[in-house]
Amino acid sequence: MRTCGPDVRELLHDGHRTACVGDAAFAYTNVFTAHVNVGFFQGAALPDPAGLLQGDGKYMRHVKLKPYTAVDVSSLETLITMAYLDIKTRLGLAWPMKH
Protein backbone atom coordinates (compact mmCIF):
# COMPACT_ATOMS: atom_id res chain seq x y z
CA MET A 1 0.00 0.00 0.00
CA ARG A 2 2.82 2.37 0.89
CA THR A 3 4.36 1.99 -2.55
CA CYS A 4 1.23 2.99 -4.49
CA GLY A 5 2.43 6.58 -4.70
CA PRO A 6 4.42 9.31 -2.94
CA ASP A 7 1.20 10.80 -1.57
CA VAL A 8 0.32 7.69 0.49
CA ARG A 9 0.62 8.05 4.22
CA GLU A 10 0.03 5.46 6.88
CA LEU A 11 -1.72 6.07 10.16
CA LEU A 12 -3.32 4.09 12.93
CA HIS A 13 -7.10 4.28 12.90
CA ASP A 14 -8.93 2.35 15.62
CA GLY A 15 -5.67 0.48 16.19
CA HIS A 16 -5.35 -0.68 12.58
CA ARG A 17 -2.77 0.37 10.01
CA THR A 18 -4.61 2.47 7.46
CA ALA A 19 -3.36 3.76 4.11
CA CYS A 20 -4.54 7.23 3.12
CA VAL A 21 -4.15 9.87 0.47
CA GLY A 22 -4.28 13.04 2.51
CA ASP A 23 -6.97 12.37 5.09
CA ALA A 24 -8.91 9.98 2.83
CA ALA A 25 -8.46 6.33 3.78
CA PHE A 26 -8.47 3.74 1.01
CA ALA A 27 -7.18 0.51 2.59
CA TYR A 28 -6.28 -1.07 5.93
CA THR A 29 -4.95 -4.19 7.55
CA ASN A 30 -6.59 -5.84 10.52
CA VAL A 31 -4.84 -8.68 12.35
CA PHE A 32 -6.84 -11.44 14.02
CA THR A 33 -5.73 -14.61 15.77
CA ALA A 34 -6.37 -16.89 12.78
CA HIS A 35 -6.16 -14.51 9.82
CA VAL A 36 -5.37 -11.03 8.51
CA ASN A 37 -7.84 -8.88 6.61
CA VAL A 38 -6.70 -6.51 3.90
CA GLY A 39 -9.65 -4.17 3.69
CA PHE A 40 -10.86 -1.52 1.29
CA PHE A 41 -13.07 1.37 2.38
CA GLN A 42 -14.69 1.62 -1.07
CA GLY A 43 -14.25 -2.06 -1.90
CA ALA A 44 -17.79 -2.52 -3.22
CA ALA A 45 -16.87 -0.20 -6.10
CA LEU A 46 -13.71 -2.10 -7.09
CA PRO A 47 -13.56 -4.54 -9.97
CA ASP A 48 -12.73 -7.99 -8.61
CA PRO A 49 -12.38 -10.47 -11.48
CA ALA A 50 -10.50 -12.96 -9.24
CA GLY A 51 -13.32 -12.95 -6.66
CA LEU A 52 -11.07 -12.17 -3.69
CA LEU A 53 -13.28 -9.61 -1.98
CA GLN A 54 -15.54 -10.66 0.87
CA GLY A 55 -18.24 -8.79 2.77
CA ASP A 56 -21.67 -7.48 2.02
CA GLY A 57 -21.57 -3.96 3.44
CA LYS A 58 -22.68 -1.01 1.38
CA TYR A 59 -19.09 0.17 0.81
CA MET A 60 -16.41 -1.88 2.53
CA ARG A 61 -14.91 -5.18 1.42
CA HIS A 62 -11.92 -7.20 2.55
CA VAL A 63 -9.61 -10.02 1.51
CA LYS A 64 -9.03 -12.63 4.21
CA LEU A 65 -5.49 -14.03 4.35
CA LYS A 66 -4.98 -17.25 6.32
CA PRO A 67 -1.73 -19.02 7.20
CA TYR A 68 -0.74 -21.84 4.88
CA THR A 69 -3.37 -20.79 2.33
CA ALA A 70 -2.22 -19.62 -1.07
CA VAL A 71 -3.19 -16.12 -2.12
CA ASP A 72 -3.36 -14.68 -5.62
CA VAL A 73 -0.72 -12.01 -4.97
CA SER A 74 -1.09 -10.39 -8.37
CA SER A 75 -4.84 -9.95 -7.97
CA LEU A 76 -4.42 -8.61 -4.42
CA GLU A 77 -1.82 -6.11 -5.63
CA THR A 78 -4.21 -5.05 -8.39
CA LEU A 79 -7.00 -4.49 -5.83
CA ILE A 80 -4.68 -2.33 -3.73
CA THR A 81 -3.66 -0.28 -6.76
CA MET A 82 -7.27 0.08 -7.88
CA ALA A 83 -8.29 1.24 -4.38
CA TYR A 84 -5.51 3.84 -4.48
CA LEU A 85 -6.54 5.09 -7.92
CA ASP A 86 -10.19 5.09 -6.86
CA ILE A 87 -9.57 7.35 -3.85
CA LYS A 88 -7.46 9.71 -5.97
CA THR A 89 -10.34 9.90 -8.46
CA ARG A 90 -12.83 10.56 -5.66
CA LEU A 91 -10.56 13.35 -4.42
CA GLY A 92 -10.24 14.82 -7.92
CA LEU A 93 -6.52 14.01 -8.06
CA ALA A 94 -6.57 11.54 -10.96
CA TRP A 95 -8.40 10.78 -14.16
CA PRO A 96 -11.63 8.84 -13.57
CA MET A 97 -11.20 5.07 -13.33
CA LYS A 98 -12.68 2.80 -15.94
CA HIS A 99 -14.06 -0.48 -14.60
PDB file of N, CA and C in Angstrom:
ATOM      1  N   MET A   1       0.822  -1.186   0.000  1.00  0.00           N
ATOM      2  CA  MET A   1       0.000   0.000   0.000  1.00  0.00           C
ATOM      3  C   MET A   1       0.870   1.256   0.000  1.00  0.00           C
ATOM      4  N   ARG A   2       1.942   1.209   0.793  1.00  0.00           N
ATOM      5  CA  ARG A   2       2.823   2.373   0.886  1.00  0.00           C
ATOM      6  C   ARG A   2       3.454   2.729  -0.447  1.00  0.00           C
ATOM      7  N   THR A   3       3.658   1.744  -1.297  1.00  0.00           N
ATOM      8  CA  THR A   3       4.365   1.994  -2.553  1.00  0.00           C
ATOM      9  C   THR A   3       3.440   2.396  -3.698  1.00  0.00           C
ATOM     10  N   CYS A   4       2.163   2.584  -3.433  1.00  0.00           N
ATOM     11  CA  CYS A   4       1.231   2.988  -4.494  1.00  0.00           C
ATOM     12  C   CYS A   4       1.590   4.359  -5.070  1.00  0.00           C
ATOM     13  N   GLY A   5       2.072   5.248  -4.228  1.00  0.00           N
ATOM     14  CA  GLY A   5       2.431   6.581  -4.695  1.00  0.00           C
ATOM     15  C   GLY A   5       3.065   7.388  -3.582  1.00  0.00           C
ATOM     16  N   PRO A   6       3.735   8.478  -3.946  1.00  0.00           N
ATOM     17  CA  PRO A   6       4.416   9.306  -2.942  1.00  0.00           C
ATOM     18  C   PRO A   6       3.459  10.044  -2.016  1.00  0.00           C
ATOM     19  N   ASP A   7       2.184  10.095  -2.382  1.00  0.00           N
ATOM     20  CA  ASP A   7       1.195  10.796  -1.570  1.00  0.00           C
ATOM     21  C   ASP A   7       0.510   9.882  -0.541  1.00  0.00           C
ATOM     22  N   VAL A   8       0.914   8.629  -0.472  1.00  0.00           N
ATOM     23  CA  VAL A   8       0.317   7.691   0.485  1.00  0.00           C
ATOM     24  C   VAL A   8       0.963   7.901   1.850  1.00  0.00           C
ATOM     25  N   ARG A   9       0.112   8.003   2.849  1.00  0.00           N
ATOM     26  CA  ARG A   9       0.616   8.051   4.216  1.00  0.00           C
ATOM     27  C   ARG A   9      -0.104   6.992   5.023  1.00  0.00           C
ATOM     28  N   GLU A  10       0.580   6.514   6.031  1.00  0.00           N
ATOM     29  CA  GLU A  10       0.033   5.456   6.880  1.00  0.00           C
ATOM     30  C   GLU A  10      -0.253   6.032   8.256  1.00  0.00           C
ATOM     31  N   LEU A  11      -1.395   5.659   8.800  1.00  0.00           N
ATOM     32  CA  LEU A  11      -1.719   6.068  10.159  1.00  0.00           C
ATOM     33  C   LEU A  11      -2.433   4.930  10.859  1.00  0.00           C
ATOM     34  N   LEU A  12      -2.550   5.061  12.167  1.00  0.00           N
ATOM     35  CA  LEU A  12      -3.318   4.090  12.934  1.00  0.00           C
ATOM     36  C   LEU A  12      -4.709   4.651  13.140  1.00  0.00           C
ATOM     37  N   HIS A  13      -5.707   3.899  12.720  1.00  0.00           N
ATOM     38  CA  HIS A  13      -7.102   4.281  12.900  1.00  0.00           C
ATOM     39  C   HIS A  13      -7.783   3.139  13.621  1.00  0.00           C
ATOM     40  N   ASP A  14      -8.323   3.400  14.782  1.00  0.00           N
ATOM     41  CA  ASP A  14      -8.930   2.353  15.617  1.00  0.00           C
ATOM     42  C   ASP A  14      -7.971   1.190  15.840  1.00  0.00           C
ATOM     43  N   GLY A  15      -6.677   1.500  15.935  1.00  0.00           N
ATOM     44  CA  GLY A  15      -5.672   0.483  16.190  1.00  0.00           C
ATOM     45  C   GLY A  15      -5.233  -0.313  14.988  1.00  0.00           C
ATOM     46  N   HIS A  16      -5.681   0.057  13.800  1.00  0.00           N
ATOM     47  CA  HIS A  16      -5.351  -0.676  12.583  1.00  0.00           C
ATOM     48  C   HIS A  16      -4.543   0.213  11.645  1.00  0.00           C
ATOM     49  N   ARG A  17      -3.544  -0.373  11.005  1.00  0.00           N
ATOM     50  CA  ARG A  17      -2.771   0.368  10.012  1.00  0.00           C
ATOM     51  C   ARG A  17      -3.687   0.698   8.845  1.00  0.00           C
ATOM     52  N   THR A  18      -3.708   1.985   8.499  1.00  0.00           N
ATOM     53  CA  THR A  18      -4.613   2.468   7.465  1.00  0.00           C
ATOM     54  C   THR A  18      -3.822   3.290   6.463  1.00  0.00           C
ATOM     55  N   ALA A  19      -4.027   3.017   5.181  1.00  0.00           N
ATOM     56  CA  ALA A  19      -3.358   3.755   4.114  1.00  0.00           C
ATOM     57  C   ALA A  19      -4.293   4.846   3.617  1.00  0.00           C
ATOM     58  N   CYS A  20      -3.748   6.057   3.505  1.00  0.00           N
ATOM     59  CA  CYS A  20      -4.538   7.226   3.122  1.00  0.00           C
ATOM     60  C   CYS A  20      -3.839   8.023   2.031  1.00  0.00           C
ATOM     61  N   VAL A  21      -4.637   8.780   1.305  1.00  0.00           N
ATOM     62  CA  VAL A  21      -4.149   9.872   0.467  1.00  0.00           C
ATOM     63  C   VAL A  21      -4.702  11.119   1.135  1.00  0.00           C
ATOM     64  N   GLY A  22      -3.815  11.940   1.677  1.00  0.00           N
ATOM     65  CA  GLY A  22      -4.279  13.039   2.511  1.00  0.00           C
ATOM     66  C   GLY A  22      -4.978  12.451   3.722  1.00  0.00           C
ATOM     67  N   ASP A  23      -6.188  12.903   3.976  1.00  0.00           N
ATOM     68  CA  ASP A  23      -6.973  12.372   5.089  1.00  0.00           C
ATOM     69  C   ASP A  23      -7.972  11.306   4.642  1.00  0.00           C
ATOM     70  N   ALA A  24      -7.949  10.939   3.375  1.00  0.00           N
ATOM     71  CA  ALA A  24      -8.910   9.980   2.830  1.00  0.00           C
ATOM     72  C   ALA A  24      -8.334   8.565   2.843  1.00  0.00           C
ATOM     73  N   ALA A  25      -8.912   7.709   3.667  1.00  0.00           N
ATOM     74  CA  ALA A  25      -8.456   6.326   3.784  1.00  0.00           C
ATOM     75  C   ALA A  25      -8.937   5.502   2.587  1.00  0.00           C
ATOM     76  N   PHE A  26      -8.050   4.621   2.103  1.00  0.00           N
ATOM     77  CA  PHE A  26      -8.472   3.736   1.012  1.00  0.00           C
ATOM     78  C   PHE A  26      -8.285   2.262   1.342  1.00  0.00           C
ATOM     79  N   ALA A  27      -7.402   1.914   2.269  1.00  0.00           N
ATOM     80  CA  ALA A  27      -7.178   0.506   2.590  1.00  0.00           C
ATOM     81  C   ALA A  27      -6.642   0.377   4.007  1.00  0.00           C
ATOM     82  N   TYR A  28      -6.759  -0.831   4.561  1.00  0.00           N
ATOM     83  CA  TYR A  28      -6.284  -1.066   5.926  1.00  0.00           C
ATOM     84  C   TYR A  28      -5.903  -2.531   6.087  1.00  0.00           C
ATOM     85  N   THR A  29      -5.192  -2.811   7.158  1.00  0.00           N
ATOM     86  CA  THR A  29      -4.954  -4.193   7.554  1.00  0.00           C
ATOM     87  C   THR A  29      -5.485  -4.365   8.972  1.00  0.00           C
ATOM     88  N   ASN A  30      -6.031  -5.525   9.218  1.00  0.00           N
ATOM     89  CA  ASN A  30      -6.592  -5.843  10.524  1.00  0.00           C
ATOM     90  C   ASN A  30      -6.144  -7.257  10.877  1.00  0.00           C
ATOM     91  N   VAL A  31      -5.409  -7.401  11.964  1.00  0.00           N
ATOM     92  CA  VAL A  31      -4.836  -8.683  12.355  1.00  0.00           C
ATOM     93  C   VAL A  31      -5.728  -9.365  13.394  1.00  0.00           C
ATOM     94  N   PHE A  32      -6.068 -10.603  13.117  1.00  0.00           N
ATOM     95  CA  PHE A  32      -6.839 -11.437  14.024  1.00  0.00           C
ATOM     96  C   PHE A  32      -5.992 -12.644  14.421  1.00  0.00           C
ATOM     97  N   THR A  33      -6.474 -13.451  15.325  1.00  0.00           N
ATOM     98  CA  THR A  33      -5.725 -14.614  15.773  1.00  0.00           C
ATOM     99  C   THR A  33      -5.469 -15.603  14.632  1.00  0.00           C
ATOM    100  N   ALA A  34      -6.476 -15.854  13.810  1.00  0.00           N
ATOM    101  CA  ALA A  34      -6.370 -16.893  12.783  1.00  0.00           C
ATOM    102  C   ALA A  34      -6.215 -16.361  11.360  1.00  0.00           C
ATOM    103  N   HIS A  35      -6.277 -15.044  11.174  1.00  0.00           N
ATOM    104  CA  HIS A  35      -6.156 -14.513   9.820  1.00  0.00           C
ATOM    105  C   HIS A  35      -5.861 -13.011   9.866  1.00  0.00           C
ATOM    106  N   VAL A  36      -5.574 -12.474   8.694  1.00  0.00           N
ATOM    107  CA  VAL A  36      -5.372 -11.033   8.514  1.00  0.00           C
ATOM    108  C   VAL A  36      -6.329 -10.576   7.421  1.00  0.00           C
ATOM    109  N   ASN A  37      -7.007  -9.471   7.653  1.00  0.00           N
ATOM    110  CA  ASN A  37      -7.841  -8.877   6.607  1.00  0.00           C
ATOM    111  C   ASN A  37      -7.100  -7.713   5.963  1.00  0.00           C
ATOM    112  N   VAL A  38      -7.123  -7.684   4.652  1.00  0.00           N
ATOM    113  CA  VAL A  38      -6.699  -6.512   3.897  1.00  0.00           C
ATOM    114  C   VAL A  38      -8.002  -5.903   3.412  1.00  0.00           C
ATOM    115  N   GLY A  39      -8.340  -4.744   3.944  1.00  0.00           N
ATOM    116  CA  GLY A  39      -9.654  -4.166   3.689  1.00  0.00           C
ATOM    117  C   GLY A  39      -9.600  -2.924   2.828  1.00  0.00           C
ATOM    118  N   PHE A  40     -10.727  -2.647   2.206  1.00  0.00           N
ATOM    119  CA  PHE A  40     -10.863  -1.519   1.288  1.00  0.00           C
ATOM    120  C   PHE A  40     -12.121  -0.744   1.641  1.00  0.00           C
ATOM    121  N   PHE A  41     -11.953   0.547   1.936  1.00  0.00           N
ATOM    122  CA  PHE A  41     -13.073   1.374   2.382  1.00  0.00           C
ATOM    123  C   PHE A  41     -14.137   1.550   1.306  1.00  0.00           C
ATOM    124  N   GLN A  42     -13.747   1.537   0.043  1.00  0.00           N
ATOM    125  CA  GLN A  42     -14.695   1.620  -1.069  1.00  0.00           C
ATOM    126  C   GLN A  42     -14.627   0.336  -1.904  1.00  0.00           C
ATOM    127  N   GLY A  43     -14.443  -0.781  -1.223  1.00  0.00           N
ATOM    128  CA  GLY A  43     -14.253  -2.059  -1.896  1.00  0.00           C
ATOM    129  C   GLY A  43     -15.409  -2.509  -2.765  1.00  0.00           C
ATOM    130  N   ALA A  44     -16.627  -2.120  -2.420  1.00  0.00           N
ATOM    131  CA  ALA A  44     -17.787  -2.520  -3.220  1.00  0.00           C
ATOM    132  C   ALA A  44     -17.732  -1.927  -4.625  1.00  0.00           C
ATOM    133  N   ALA A  45     -16.969  -0.851  -4.802  1.00  0.00           N
ATOM    134  CA  ALA A  45     -16.869  -0.197  -6.104  1.00  0.00           C
ATOM    135  C   ALA A  45     -15.706  -0.728  -6.942  1.00  0.00           C
ATOM    136  N   LEU A  46     -14.894  -1.610  -6.372  1.00  0.00           N
ATOM    137  CA  LEU A  46     -13.711  -2.098  -7.085  1.00  0.00           C
ATOM    138  C   LEU A  46     -14.030  -3.291  -7.973  1.00  0.00           C
ATOM    139  N   PRO A  47     -13.433  -3.330  -9.162  1.00  0.00           N
ATOM    140  CA  PRO A  47     -13.557  -4.535  -9.975  1.00  0.00           C
ATOM    141  C   PRO A  47     -12.781  -5.667  -9.290  1.00  0.00           C
ATOM    142  N   ASP A  48     -13.343  -6.856  -9.301  1.00  0.00           N
ATOM    143  CA  ASP A  48     -12.734  -7.992  -8.611  1.00  0.00           C
ATOM    144  C   ASP A  48     -12.874  -9.260  -9.452  1.00  0.00           C
ATOM    145  N   PRO A  49     -12.208  -9.309 -10.600  1.00  0.00           N
ATOM    146  CA  PRO A  49     -12.376 -10.471 -11.475  1.00  0.00           C
ATOM    147  C   PRO A  49     -11.911 -11.782 -10.839  1.00  0.00           C
ATOM    148  N   ALA A  50     -10.978 -11.736  -9.878  1.00  0.00           N
ATOM    149  CA  ALA A  50     -10.496 -12.962  -9.238  1.00  0.00           C
ATOM    150  C   ALA A  50     -11.400 -13.409  -8.097  1.00  0.00           C
ATOM    151  N   GLY A  51     -12.382 -12.583  -7.719  1.00  0.00           N
ATOM    152  CA  GLY A  51     -13.315 -12.954  -6.659  1.00  0.00           C
ATOM    153  C   GLY A  51     -12.703 -13.018  -5.272  1.00  0.00           C
ATOM    154  N   LEU A  52     -11.730 -12.165  -4.996  1.00  0.00           N
ATOM    155  CA  LEU A  52     -11.066 -12.169  -3.693  1.00  0.00           C
ATOM    156  C   LEU A  52     -11.849 -11.452  -2.604  1.00  0.00           C
ATOM    157  N   LEU A  53     -12.619 -10.452  -2.971  1.00  0.00           N
ATOM    158  CA  LEU A  53     -13.283  -9.607  -1.982  1.00  0.00           C
ATOM    159  C   LEU A  53     -14.420 -10.322  -1.270  1.00  0.00           C
ATOM    160  N   GLN A  54     -14.480 -10.100   0.038  1.00  0.00           N
ATOM    161  CA  GLN A  54     -15.542 -10.657   0.869  1.00  0.00           C
ATOM    162  C   GLN A  54     -16.257  -9.514   1.575  1.00  0.00           C
ATOM    163  N   GLY A  55     -17.452  -9.783   2.036  1.00  0.00           N
ATOM    164  CA  GLY A  55     -18.235  -8.795   2.767  1.00  0.00           C
ATOM    165  C   GLY A  55     -19.457  -8.389   1.973  1.00  0.00           C
ATOM    166  N   ASP A  56     -20.433  -7.866   2.684  1.00  0.00           N
ATOM    167  CA  ASP A  56     -21.670  -7.478   2.016  1.00  0.00           C
ATOM    168  C   ASP A  56     -22.147  -6.106   2.474  1.00  0.00           C
ATOM    169  N   GLY A  57     -21.226  -5.321   3.042  1.00  0.00           N
ATOM    170  CA  GLY A  57     -21.567  -3.958   3.440  1.00  0.00           C
ATOM    171  C   GLY A  57     -21.810  -3.079   2.228  1.00  0.00           C
ATOM    172  N   LYS A  58     -22.373  -1.926   2.471  1.00  0.00           N
ATOM    173  CA  LYS A  58     -22.683  -1.008   1.384  1.00  0.00           C
ATOM    174  C   LYS A  58     -21.422  -0.533   0.662  1.00  0.00           C
ATOM    175  N   TYR A  59     -20.324  -0.362   1.403  1.00  0.00           N
ATOM    176  CA  TYR A  59     -19.094   0.174   0.812  1.00  0.00           C
ATOM    177  C   TYR A  59     -17.878  -0.732   0.994  1.00  0.00           C
ATOM    178  N   MET A  60     -17.657  -1.199   2.196  1.00  0.00           N
ATOM    179  CA  MET A  60     -16.412  -1.879   2.531  1.00  0.00           C
ATOM    180  C   MET A  60     -16.393  -3.340   2.104  1.00  0.00           C
ATOM    181  N   ARG A  61     -15.184  -3.775   1.732  1.00  0.00           N
ATOM    182  CA  ARG A  61     -14.915  -5.179   1.421  1.00  0.00           C
ATOM    183  C   ARG A  61     -13.523  -5.502   1.945  1.00  0.00           C
ATOM    184  N   HIS A  62     -13.230  -6.793   2.080  1.00  0.00           N
ATOM    185  CA  HIS A  62     -11.916  -7.204   2.550  1.00  0.00           C
ATOM    186  C   HIS A  62     -11.492  -8.507   1.888  1.00  0.00           C
ATOM    187  N   VAL A  63     -10.195  -8.759   1.939  1.00  0.00           N
ATOM    188  CA  VAL A  63      -9.612 -10.024   1.507  1.00  0.00           C
ATOM    189  C   VAL A  63      -9.067 -10.679   2.766  1.00  0.00           C
ATOM    190  N   LYS A  64      -9.465 -11.905   3.014  1.00  0.00           N
ATOM    191  CA  LYS A  64      -9.029 -12.632   4.210  1.00  0.00           C
ATOM    192  C   LYS A  64      -7.810 -13.484   3.846  1.00  0.00           C
ATOM    193  N   LEU A  65      -6.714 -13.269   4.559  1.00  0.00           N
ATOM    194  CA  LEU A  65      -5.486 -14.031   4.348  1.00  0.00           C
ATOM    195  C   LEU A  65      -5.284 -14.960   5.541  1.00  0.00           C
ATOM    196  N   LYS A  66      -5.152 -16.254   5.251  1.00  0.00           N
ATOM    197  CA  LYS A  66      -4.981 -17.253   6.316  1.00  0.00           C
ATOM    198  C   LYS A  66      -3.623 -17.936   6.158  1.00  0.00           C
ATOM    199  N   PRO A  67      -3.011 -18.305   7.280  1.00  0.00           N
ATOM    200  CA  PRO A  67      -1.731 -19.016   7.202  1.00  0.00           C
ATOM    201  C   PRO A  67      -1.864 -20.303   6.388  1.00  0.00           C
ATOM    202  N   TYR A  68      -0.830 -20.604   5.656  1.00  0.00           N
ATOM    203  CA  TYR A  68      -0.744 -21.836   4.877  1.00  0.00           C
ATOM    204  C   TYR A  68      -1.802 -21.947   3.784  1.00  0.00           C
ATOM    205  N   THR A  69      -2.400 -20.818   3.423  1.00  0.00           N
ATOM    206  CA  THR A  69      -3.375 -20.792   2.335  1.00  0.00           C
ATOM    207  C   THR A  69      -2.833 -19.873   1.243  1.00  0.00           C
ATOM    208  N   ALA A  70      -2.754 -20.398   0.039  1.00  0.00           N
ATOM    209  CA  ALA A  70      -2.216 -19.618  -1.074  1.00  0.00           C
ATOM    210  C   ALA A  70      -3.100 -18.408  -1.355  1.00  0.00           C
ATOM    211  N   VAL A  71      -2.457 -17.323  -1.763  1.00  0.00           N
ATOM    212  CA  VAL A  71      -3.188 -16.122  -2.123  1.00  0.00           C
ATOM    213  C   VAL A  71      -2.741 -15.705  -3.523  1.00  0.00           C
ATOM    214  N   ASP A  72      -3.667 -15.196  -4.291  1.00  0.00           N
ATOM    215  CA  ASP A  72      -3.363 -14.678  -5.624  1.00  0.00           C
ATOM    216  C   ASP A  72      -2.755 -13.286  -5.448  1.00  0.00           C
ATOM    217  N   VAL A  73      -1.434 -13.247  -5.281  1.00  0.00           N
ATOM    218  CA  VAL A  73      -0.719 -12.011  -4.965  1.00  0.00           C
ATOM    219  C   VAL A  73      -0.941 -10.951  -6.040  1.00  0.00           C
ATOM    220  N   SER A  74      -0.901 -11.344  -7.281  1.00  0.00           N
ATOM    221  CA  SER A  74      -1.086 -10.388  -8.373  1.00  0.00           C
ATOM    222  C   SER A  74      -2.459  -9.725  -8.301  1.00  0.00           C
ATOM    223  N   SER A  75      -3.490 -10.510  -8.059  1.00  0.00           N
ATOM    224  CA  SER A  75      -4.844  -9.948  -7.965  1.00  0.00           C
ATOM    225  C   SER A  75      -4.996  -9.066  -6.733  1.00  0.00           C
ATOM    226  N   LEU A  76      -4.364  -9.445  -5.623  1.00  0.00           N
ATOM    227  CA  LEU A  76      -4.419  -8.612  -4.420  1.00  0.00           C
ATOM    228  C   LEU A  76      -3.697  -7.290  -4.660  1.00  0.00           C
ATOM    229  N   GLU A  77      -2.545  -7.343  -5.295  1.00  0.00           N
ATOM    230  CA  GLU A  77      -1.819  -6.110  -5.627  1.00  0.00           C
ATOM    231  C   GLU A  77      -2.645  -5.219  -6.547  1.00  0.00           C
ATOM    232  N   THR A  78      -3.355  -5.823  -7.489  1.00  0.00           N
ATOM    233  CA  THR A  78      -4.214  -5.050  -8.386  1.00  0.00           C
ATOM    234  C   THR A  78      -5.344  -4.379  -7.607  1.00  0.00           C
ATOM    235  N   LEU A  79      -5.946  -5.094  -6.668  1.00  0.00           N
ATOM    236  CA  LEU A  79      -7.001  -4.493  -5.835  1.00  0.00           C
ATOM    237  C   LEU A  79      -6.465  -3.292  -5.047  1.00  0.00           C
ATOM    238  N   ILE A  80      -5.282  -3.432  -4.487  1.00  0.00           N
ATOM    239  CA  ILE A  80      -4.683  -2.333  -3.729  1.00  0.00           C
ATOM    240  C   ILE A  80      -4.446  -1.131  -4.633  1.00  0.00           C
ATOM    241  N   THR A  81      -3.897  -1.375  -5.804  1.00  0.00           N
ATOM    242  CA  THR A  81      -3.655  -0.284  -6.760  1.00  0.00           C
ATOM    243  C   THR A  81      -4.962   0.359  -7.192  1.00  0.00           C
ATOM    244  N   MET A  82      -5.974  -0.452  -7.459  1.00  0.00           N
ATOM    245  CA  MET A  82      -7.274   0.084  -7.878  1.00  0.00           C
ATOM    246  C   MET A  82      -7.909   0.907  -6.763  1.00  0.00           C
ATOM    247  N   ALA A  83      -7.756   0.481  -5.508  1.00  0.00           N
ATOM    248  CA  ALA A  83      -8.292   1.243  -4.379  1.00  0.00           C
ATOM    249  C   ALA A  83      -7.592   2.593  -4.274  1.00  0.00           C
ATOM    250  N   TYR A  84      -6.290   2.599  -4.492  1.00  0.00           N
ATOM    251  CA  TYR A  84      -5.513   3.844  -4.476  1.00  0.00           C
ATOM    252  C   TYR A  84      -5.980   4.779  -5.590  1.00  0.00           C
ATOM    253  N   LEU A  85      -6.090   4.259  -6.792  1.00  0.00           N
ATOM    254  CA  LEU A  85      -6.538   5.090  -7.921  1.00  0.00           C
ATOM    255  C   LEU A  85      -7.969   5.571  -7.716  1.00  0.00           C
ATOM    256  N   ASP A  86      -8.798   4.721  -7.127  1.00  0.00           N
ATOM    257  CA  ASP A  86     -10.188   5.091  -6.862  1.00  0.00           C
ATOM    258  C   ASP A  86     -10.269   6.274  -5.896  1.00  0.00           C
ATOM    259  N   ILE A  87      -9.491   6.249  -4.805  1.00  0.00           N
ATOM    260  CA  ILE A  87      -9.568   7.355  -3.848  1.00  0.00           C
ATOM    261  C   ILE A  87      -9.017   8.626  -4.466  1.00  0.00           C
ATOM    262  N   LYS A  88      -7.986   8.514  -5.298  1.00  0.00           N
ATOM    263  CA  LYS A  88      -7.461   9.707  -5.973  1.00  0.00           C
ATOM    264  C   LYS A  88      -8.512  10.296  -6.906  1.00  0.00           C
ATOM    265  N   THR A  89      -9.261   9.433  -7.582  1.00  0.00           N
ATOM    266  CA  THR A  89     -10.342   9.903  -8.460  1.00  0.00           C
ATOM    267  C   THR A  89     -11.427  10.586  -7.639  1.00  0.00           C
ATOM    268  N   ARG A  90     -11.803   9.974  -6.529  1.00  0.00           N
ATOM    269  CA  ARG A  90     -12.832  10.565  -5.664  1.00  0.00           C
ATOM    270  C   ARG A  90     -12.402  11.923  -5.120  1.00  0.00           C
ATOM    271  N   LEU A  91     -11.102  12.091  -4.923  1.00  0.00           N
ATOM    272  CA  LEU A  91     -10.565  13.353  -4.418  1.00  0.00           C
ATOM    273  C   LEU A  91     -10.293  14.361  -5.534  1.00  0.00           C
ATOM    274  N   GLY A  92     -10.498  13.938  -6.785  1.00  0.00           N
ATOM    275  CA  GLY A  92     -10.240  14.817  -7.922  1.00  0.00           C
ATOM    276  C   GLY A  92      -8.763  14.956  -8.238  1.00  0.00           C
ATOM    277  N   LEU A  93      -7.968  13.958  -7.862  1.00  0.00           N
ATOM    278  CA  LEU A  93      -6.520  14.012  -8.065  1.00  0.00           C
ATOM    279  C   LEU A  93      -6.045  13.125  -9.207  1.00  0.00           C
ATOM    280  N   ALA A  94      -6.952  12.446  -9.874  1.00  0.00           N
ATOM    281  CA  ALA A  94      -6.573  11.544 -10.960  1.00  0.00           C
ATOM    282  C   ALA A  94      -7.696  11.481 -11.978  1.00  0.00           C
ATOM    283  N   TRP A  95      -7.366  10.995 -13.148  1.00  0.00           N
ATOM    284  CA  TRP A  95      -8.399  10.783 -14.158  1.00  0.00           C
ATOM    285  C   TRP A  95      -9.381   9.735 -13.643  1.00  0.00           C
ATOM    286  N   PRO A  96     -10.645   9.835 -14.020  1.00  0.00           N
ATOM    287  CA  PRO A  96     -11.631   8.839 -13.575  1.00  0.00           C
ATOM    288  C   PRO A  96     -11.234   7.425 -13.969  1.00  0.00           C
ATOM    289  N   MET A  97     -11.486   6.474 -13.073  1.00  0.00           N
ATOM    290  CA  MET A  97     -11.203   5.067 -13.334  1.00  0.00           C
ATOM    291  C   MET A  97     -12.206   4.495 -14.310  1.00  0.00           C
ATOM    292  N   LYS A  98     -11.772   3.560 -15.088  1.00  0.00           N
ATOM    293  CA  LYS A  98     -12.683   2.801 -15.936  1.00  0.00           C
ATOM    294  C   LYS A  98     -12.731   1.395 -15.398  1.00  0.00           C
ATOM    295  N   HIS A  99     -13.915   0.874 -15.144  1.00  0.00           N
ATOM    296  CA  HIS A  99     -14.064  -0.479 -14.601  1.00  0.00           C
ATOM    297  C   HIS A  99     -14.285  -1.452 -15.734  1.00  0.00           C
TER     298      HIS A  99
END
